[in-house]
Protein backbone atom coordinates (compact mmCIF):
# COMPACT_ATOMS: atom_id res chain seq x y z
CA MET A 1 -8.20 17.86 -2.19
CA GLN A 2 -7.29 15.89 -5.32
CA GLU A 3 -4.08 16.11 -7.35
CA GLU A 4 -2.93 13.91 -10.18
CA ASN A 5 -2.64 10.39 -8.66
CA PHE A 6 -2.91 11.72 -5.08
CA ILE A 7 -5.50 12.80 -2.55
CA THR A 8 -4.37 15.29 0.10
CA VAL A 9 -5.84 15.02 3.59
CA ASN A 10 -4.71 17.35 6.38
CA GLY A 11 -1.67 18.33 4.31
CA ASN A 12 -0.59 14.71 3.71
CA ARG A 13 -0.62 13.07 0.28
CA PHE A 14 -2.00 9.57 -0.26
CA HIS A 15 -1.41 7.89 -3.62
CA TYR A 16 -4.45 6.39 -5.38
CA MET A 17 -2.65 3.05 -5.67
CA TRP A 18 -1.91 2.95 -1.95
CA LEU A 19 -5.45 3.96 -1.01
CA ARG A 20 -7.09 1.34 -3.24
CA ASP A 21 -4.64 -1.35 -2.11
CA ASN A 22 -5.35 -0.54 1.54
CA CYS A 23 -9.15 -0.45 1.36
CA LEU A 24 -10.56 -1.42 4.75
CA CYS A 25 -13.90 -2.90 3.63
CA PRO A 26 -14.83 -6.58 4.25
CA GLU A 27 -14.67 -7.26 0.48
CA CYS A 28 -11.01 -6.24 0.45
CA ARG A 29 -9.86 -7.44 3.90
CA ASP A 30 -10.86 -10.41 5.98
CA PRO A 31 -12.89 -8.96 8.90
CA ASN A 32 -11.29 -11.36 11.41
CA SER A 33 -7.61 -11.50 10.44
CA PHE A 34 -7.56 -8.17 8.52
CA GLN A 35 -5.52 -9.95 5.84
CA LYS A 36 -5.85 -8.51 2.35
CA ILE A 37 -8.28 -10.30 0.04
CA TYR A 38 -8.23 -7.78 -2.82
CA ASP A 39 -5.21 -8.24 -5.12
CA ILE A 40 -4.42 -4.91 -6.76
CA SER A 41 -2.01 -6.61 -9.19
CA GLU A 42 -5.08 -8.17 -10.85
CA ALA A 43 -6.64 -4.77 -11.59
CA GLN A 44 -7.21 -4.05 -15.28
CA SER A 45 -6.11 -0.41 -14.94
CA PRO A 46 -4.58 1.87 -12.31
CA PRO A 47 -7.07 3.02 -9.67
CA LYS A 48 -8.81 6.32 -10.29
CA PRO A 49 -11.51 7.87 -8.13
CA VAL A 50 -14.86 8.95 -9.53
CA SER A 51 -15.57 10.93 -6.38
CA VAL A 52 -13.80 11.83 -3.14
CA VAL A 53 -15.78 13.12 -0.15
CA GLU A 54 -14.31 14.13 3.20
CA GLU A 55 -16.91 14.54 5.95
CA ASP A 56 -17.68 13.34 9.48
CA ASP A 57 -13.99 12.47 10.08
CA LYS A 58 -14.07 10.03 7.13
CA LEU A 59 -12.72 10.00 3.61
CA THR A 60 -15.03 8.19 1.17
CA ILE A 61 -13.65 7.30 -2.26
CA THR A 62 -15.76 5.84 -5.06
CA TRP A 63 -13.45 4.08 -7.51
CA GLN A 64 -13.84 3.96 -11.28
CA GLU A 65 -13.84 0.20 -11.72
CA GLN A 66 -16.34 -2.47 -12.58
CA PRO A 67 -18.19 -3.16 -10.44
CA ILE A 68 -18.02 0.27 -8.78
CA HIS A 69 -16.21 0.03 -5.44
CA GLN A 70 -16.23 2.37 -2.47
CA SER A 71 -13.51 2.75 0.18
CA VAL A 72 -14.16 4.50 3.49
CA PHE A 73 -11.17 5.54 5.60
CA PRO A 74 -11.38 7.10 9.06
CA ILE A 75 -9.21 10.26 8.94
CA SER A 76 -7.53 9.12 12.17
CA TRP A 77 -6.51 5.83 10.44
CA LEU A 78 -5.07 7.74 7.48
CA MET A 79 -3.09 10.05 9.78
CA ALA A 80 -1.68 7.01 11.59
CA HIS A 81 -0.50 5.67 8.21
CA VAL A 82 1.04 8.81 6.69
CA HIS A 83 3.98 7.88 4.49
CA GLU A 84 5.75 10.64 2.58
CA LEU A 85 8.25 9.35 0.03
CA ASP A 86 10.39 12.47 0.02
CA THR A 87 12.06 11.87 3.38
CA PRO A 88 15.88 11.70 3.13
CA VAL A 89 16.03 8.04 4.23
CA GLN A 90 13.72 6.86 1.46
CA SER A 91 14.44 9.27 -1.41
CA SER A 92 17.33 7.22 -2.80
CA ARG A 93 15.37 3.97 -2.85
CA LYS A 94 13.71 2.66 -5.99
CA ILE A 95 9.95 2.38 -5.40
CA ILE A 96 8.07 -0.30 -7.32
CA LEU A 97 4.32 0.22 -7.49
CA TRP A 98 2.24 -2.92 -7.27
CA ASN A 99 1.60 -4.28 -10.72
CA LYS A 100 1.90 -7.87 -11.82
CA ALA A 101 4.30 -7.36 -14.76
CA ASP A 102 6.87 -5.39 -12.76
CA LEU A 103 6.69 -7.72 -9.76
CA GLN A 104 7.30 -10.72 -12.01
CA LYS A 105 10.45 -9.02 -13.39
CA GLU A 106 11.76 -8.34 -9.89
CA ARG A 107 13.81 -11.16 -8.40
CA THR A 108 12.37 -12.18 -5.04
CA VAL A 109 15.23 -13.22 -2.79
CA ARG A 110 14.83 -15.29 0.34
CA HIS A 111 17.08 -13.93 3.09
CA ASP A 112 18.55 -16.06 5.87
CA PHE A 113 17.85 -13.89 8.90
CA HIS A 114 21.11 -14.76 10.69
CA ASN A 115 23.46 -14.68 7.68
CA CYS A 116 22.39 -11.69 5.61
CA ASP A 117 23.05 -8.00 5.40
CA SER A 118 19.99 -6.31 6.89
CA ASP A 119 20.37 -3.35 4.49
CA VAL A 120 19.64 -5.70 1.56
CA TRP A 121 16.33 -7.00 2.89
CA VAL A 122 15.31 -3.62 4.31
CA ASN A 123 15.83 -2.03 0.85
CA GLN A 124 13.72 -4.81 -0.68
CA LEU A 125 11.06 -4.17 1.95
CA PHE A 126 10.93 -0.45 1.10
CA SER A 127 10.97 -0.96 -2.68
CA LEU A 128 8.61 -3.94 -3.02
CA GLY A 129 6.60 -3.58 0.16
CA PHE A 130 7.58 -7.07 1.34
CA THR A 131 10.60 -9.27 1.93
CA ILE A 132 11.03 -12.95 2.73
CA LEU A 133 13.07 -13.82 5.82
CA GLU A 134 13.91 -17.39 6.73
CA ASN A 135 15.32 -19.10 9.84
CA ILE A 136 13.77 -16.75 12.37
CA GLN A 137 13.62 -18.44 15.76
CA SER A 138 10.44 -18.20 17.76
CA THR A 139 10.90 -16.86 21.28
CA LYS A 140 8.31 -18.70 23.35
């Protein structure tokens, strides 16, 4: 089921931006390390699906971009990654969607793991989707 900017699967909403950013195909993620290759901040416009098909325990999205791109998500993978933003813990946090202009405005702070307030870097993690921690000791 499609809503404005969201696709609903098994009663859970997935934002277009999140779905496109988390595409599992080998063009978007390295098949060995699973590291992201596709940089959504370089997109010319926000992601928008041309078609959405749910069948055979998969969700297939064809994106309106040039060249046309298709993302295929196993429903089980989506259910393992459900993330509703209206939970009480997260509702007060400012969410920044991935786009180059906004990320450049945001000050990226490096946090000393041993000498910082964990609430500060956790809030940055929830709002930006990443945080930079330094001086973490390896436990070998």
